[in-house]
PDB file of N, CA and C in Angstrom:
ATOM      1  N   UNK A   1    -140.883 -25.818-105.207  1.00  0.00           N
ATOM      2  CA  UNK A   1    -139.645 -24.801-105.249  1.00  0.00           C
ATOM      3  C   UNK A   1    -138.477 -25.178-105.204  1.00  0.00           C
ATOM      4  N   UNK A   2    -138.173 -25.967-104.871  1.00  0.00           N
ATOM      5  CA  UNK A   2    -136.892 -26.832-105.056  1.00  0.00           C
ATOM      6  C   UNK A   2    -136.448 -27.016-106.836  1.00  0.00           C
ATOM      7  N   UNK A   3    -135.554 -26.709-107.150  1.00  0.00           N
ATOM      8  CA  UNK A   3    -135.002 -26.944-108.250  1.00  0.00           C
ATOM      9  C   UNK A   3    -135.041 -28.290-108.583  1.00  0.00           C
ATOM     10  N   UNK A   4    -135.648 -28.703-109.761  1.00  0.00           N
ATOM     11  CA  UNK A   4    -135.382 -30.222-110.377  1.00  0.00           C
ATOM     12  C   UNK A   4    -133.991 -30.836-110.255  1.00  0.00           C
ATOM     13  N   UNK A   5    -133.056 -29.983-111.278  1.00  0.00           N
ATOM     14  CA  UNK A   5    -131.817 -30.587-111.474  1.00  0.00           C
ATOM     15  C   UNK A   5    -130.855 -30.500-110.575  1.00  0.00           C
ATOM     16  N   UNK A   6    -130.619 -28.990-109.841  1.00  0.00           N
ATOM     17  CA  UNK A   6    -129.927 -28.823-108.469  1.00  0.00           C
ATOM     18  C   UNK A   6    -130.664 -28.724-107.540  1.00  0.00           C
ATOM     19  N   UNK A   7    -130.749 -29.736-106.495  1.00  0.00           N
ATOM     20  CA  UNK A   7    -131.494 -29.870-105.382  1.00  0.00           C
ATOM     21  C   UNK A   7    -131.155 -28.686-104.286  1.00  0.00           C
ATOM     22  N   UNK A   8    -130.116 -28.199-104.423  1.00  0.00           N
ATOM     23  CA  UNK A   8    -129.348 -26.954-103.628  1.00  0.00           C
ATOM     24  C   UNK A   8    -130.100 -25.882-103.706  1.00  0.00           C
ATOM     25  N   UNK A   9    -130.527 -25.725-104.655  1.00  0.00           N
ATOM     26  CA  UNK A   9    -131.144 -24.335-105.243  1.00  0.00           C
ATOM     27  C   UNK A   9    -132.634 -24.272-105.043  1.00  0.00           C
ATOM     28  N   UNK A  10    -133.201 -22.850-104.704  1.00  0.00           N
ATOM     29  CA  UNK A  10    -134.824 -22.824-104.514  1.00  0.00           C
ATOM     30  C   UNK A  10    -135.233 -21.453-105.841  1.00  0.00           C
ATOM     31  N   UNK A  11    -136.156 -22.011-106.262  1.00  0.00           N
ATOM     32  CA  UNK A  11    -136.906 -21.404-107.144  1.00  0.00           C
ATOM     33  C   UNK A  11    -138.038 -20.349-106.736  1.00  0.00           C
ATOM     34  N   UNK A  12    -137.874 -19.362-106.637  1.00  0.00           N
ATOM     35  CA  UNK A  12    -138.936 -17.945-105.993  1.00  0.00           C
ATOM     36  C   UNK A  12    -140.219 -18.142-106.924  1.00  0.00           C
ATOM     37  N   UNK A  13    -140.943 -18.454-105.962  1.00  0.00           N
ATOM     38  CA  UNK A  13    -142.437 -17.914-106.440  1.00  0.00           C
ATOM     39  C   UNK A  13    -142.888 -16.562-106.189  1.00  0.00           C
ATOM     40  N   UNK A  14    -144.369 -16.229-106.553  1.00  0.00           N
ATOM     41  CA  UNK A  14    -144.411 -14.550-106.556  1.00  0.00           C
ATOM     42  C   UNK A  14    -144.177 -14.129-105.158  1.00  0.00           C
ATOM     43  N   UNK A  15    -144.597 -15.190-104.227  1.00  0.00           N
ATOM     44  CA  UNK A  15    -144.768 -14.651-102.556  1.00  0.00           C
ATOM     45  C   UNK A  15    -143.078 -14.633-102.135  1.00  0.00           C
ATOM     46  N   UNK A  16    -142.337 -15.346-102.807  1.00  0.00           N
ATOM     47  CA  UNK A  16    -140.870 -15.542-102.593  1.00  0.00           C
ATOM     48  C   UNK A  16    -139.665 -14.512-102.787  1.00  0.00           C
ATOM     49  N   UNK A  17    -140.434 -13.691-104.272  1.00  0.00           N
ATOM     50  CA  UNK A  17    -139.472 -12.752-104.905  1.00  0.00           C
ATOM     51  C   UNK A  17    -139.514 -11.759-103.923  1.00  0.00           C
ATOM     52  N   UNK A  18    -140.298 -10.838-103.246  1.00  0.00           N
ATOM     53  CA  UNK A  18    -139.661  -9.986-102.601  1.00  0.00           C
ATOM     54  C   UNK A  18    -138.680 -10.415-101.171  1.00  0.00           C
ATOM     55  N   UNK A  19    -138.649 -11.594-100.973  1.00  0.00           N
ATOM     56  CA  UNK A  19    -138.157 -11.935 -99.682  1.00  0.00           C
ATOM     57  C   UNK A  19    -136.485 -12.445-100.533  1.00  0.00           C
ATOM     58  N   UNK A  20    -136.518 -12.674-101.543  1.00  0.00           N
ATOM     59  CA  UNK A  20    -135.219 -12.867-102.138  1.00  0.00           C
ATOM     60  C   UNK A  20    -134.766 -11.752-102.766  1.00  0.00           C
ATOM     61  N   UNK A  21    -135.149 -10.884-102.255  1.00  0.00           N
ATOM     62  CA  UNK A  21    -134.621  -9.776-103.193  1.00  0.00           C
ATOM     63  C   UNK A  21    -134.837  -9.566-104.635  1.00  0.00           C
ATOM     64  N   UNK A  22    -135.687 -10.247-105.081  1.00  0.00           N
ATOM     65  CA  UNK A  22    -136.133  -9.994-106.658  1.00  0.00           C
ATOM     66  C   UNK A  22    -135.351 -10.923-107.413  1.00  0.00           C
ATOM     67  N   UNK A  23    -134.491 -11.853-106.653  1.00  0.00           N
ATOM     68  CA  UNK A  23    -133.808 -12.951-107.405  1.00  0.00           C
ATOM     69  C   UNK A  23    -135.124 -14.155-107.820  1.00  0.00           C
ATOM     70  N   UNK A  24    -134.692 -14.742-108.960  1.00  0.00           N
ATOM     71  CA  UNK A  24    -135.419 -15.763-109.138  1.00  0.00           C
ATOM     72  C   UNK A  24    -135.401 -17.235-108.505  1.00  0.00           C
ATOM     73  N   UNK A  25    -133.870 -17.495-108.262  1.00  0.00           N
ATOM     74  CA  UNK A  25    -133.362 -18.713-107.882  1.00  0.00           C
ATOM     75  C   UNK A  25    -132.296 -18.330-106.820  1.00  0.00           C
ATOM     76  N   UNK A  26    -132.240 -18.821-105.612  1.00  0.00           N
ATOM     77  CA  UNK A  26    -131.057 -18.682-104.636  1.00  0.00           C
ATOM     78  C   UNK A  26    -130.376 -20.051-104.097  1.00  0.00           C
ATOM     79  N   UNK A  27    -129.494 -20.402-103.710  1.00  0.00           N
ATOM     80  CA  UNK A  27    -129.010 -21.565-103.050  1.00  0.00           C
ATOM     81  C   UNK A  27    -129.856 -21.722-101.530  1.00  0.00           C
ATOM     82  N   UNK A  28    -129.786 -22.446-101.164  1.00  0.00           N
ATOM     83  CA  UNK A  28    -130.201 -23.017 -99.675  1.00  0.00           C
ATOM     84  C   UNK A  28    -129.569 -22.328 -98.589  1.00  0.00           C
ATOM     85  N   UNK A  29    -128.348 -22.116 -98.765  1.00  0.00           N
ATOM     86  CA  UNK A  29    -127.595 -21.090 -97.708  1.00  0.00           C
ATOM     87  C   UNK A  29    -127.802 -19.939 -97.905  1.00  0.00           C
ATOM     88  N   UNK A  30    -128.138 -19.281 -99.156  1.00  0.00           N
ATOM     89  CA  UNK A  30    -128.648 -17.778 -99.488  1.00  0.00           C
ATOM     90  C   UNK A  30    -129.957 -17.849 -98.704  1.00  0.00           C
ATOM     91  N   UNK A  31    -130.834 -18.583 -99.009  1.00  0.00           N
ATOM     92  CA  UNK A  31    -132.120 -18.623 -98.719  1.00  0.00           C
ATOM     93  C   UNK A  31    -132.519 -18.139 -97.215  1.00  0.00           C
ATOM     94  N   UNK A  32    -131.462 -19.108 -96.477  1.00  0.00           N
ATOM     95  CA  UNK A  32    -131.315 -18.875 -94.813  1.00  0.00           C
ATOM     96  C   UNK A  32    -131.160 -17.724 -94.330  1.00  0.00           C
ATOM     97  N   UNK A  33    -130.163 -16.986 -95.207  1.00  0.00           N
ATOM     98  CA  UNK A  33    -129.580 -15.605 -94.801  1.00  0.00           C
ATOM     99  C   UNK A  33    -130.739 -14.327 -95.397  1.00  0.00           C
ATOM    100  N   UNK A  34    -131.413 -14.784 -96.034  1.00  0.00           N
ATOM    101  CA  UNK A  34    -132.325 -14.300 -96.869  1.00  0.00           C
ATOM    102  C   UNK A  34    -133.663 -14.145 -95.883  1.00  0.00           C
ATOM    103  N   UNK A  35    -134.088 -15.140 -95.577  1.00  0.00           N
ATOM    104  CA  UNK A  35    -135.166 -15.393 -94.716  1.00  0.00           C
ATOM    105  C   UNK A  35    -135.290 -14.760 -93.035  1.00  0.00           C
ATOM    106  N   UNK A  36    -134.038 -14.775 -92.939  1.00  0.00           N
ATOM    107  CA  UNK A  36    -133.470 -14.510 -91.290  1.00  0.00           C
ATOM    108  C   UNK A  36    -133.968 -13.018 -91.206  1.00  0.00           C
ATOM    109  N   UNK A  37    -133.376 -12.158 -92.407  1.00  0.00           N
ATOM    110  CA  UNK A  37    -133.731 -10.746 -92.114  1.00  0.00           C
ATOM    111  C   UNK A  37    -135.108 -10.406 -91.808  1.00  0.00           C
ATOM    112  N   UNK A  38    -136.143 -11.439 -92.287  1.00  0.00           N
ATOM    113  CA  UNK A  38    -137.644 -11.114 -92.149  1.00  0.00           C
ATOM    114  C   UNK A  38    -138.001 -11.362 -90.964  1.00  0.00           C
ATOM    115  N   UNK A  39    -137.277 -12.459 -90.042  1.00  0.00           N
ATOM    116  CA  UNK A  39    -137.574 -12.969 -88.691  1.00  0.00           C
ATOM    117  C   UNK A  39    -137.245 -11.867 -87.688  1.00  0.00           C
ATOM    118  N   UNK A  40    -138.237 -11.783 -86.796  1.00  0.00           N
ATOM    119  CA  UNK A  40    -138.018 -11.015 -85.851  1.00  0.00           C
ATOM    120  C   UNK A  40    -137.143 -11.706 -84.494  1.00  0.00           C
TER     121      UNK A  40
END
């Protein structure tokens, strides 16, 4: 899922698209913020 050219970006698969708010790619830092919304 890590981008081959820019290792700081994460490419979403079908399971991650809803977590990432529909974005196909997010940075590591943005991913942390988005995932934290789904944790209790």
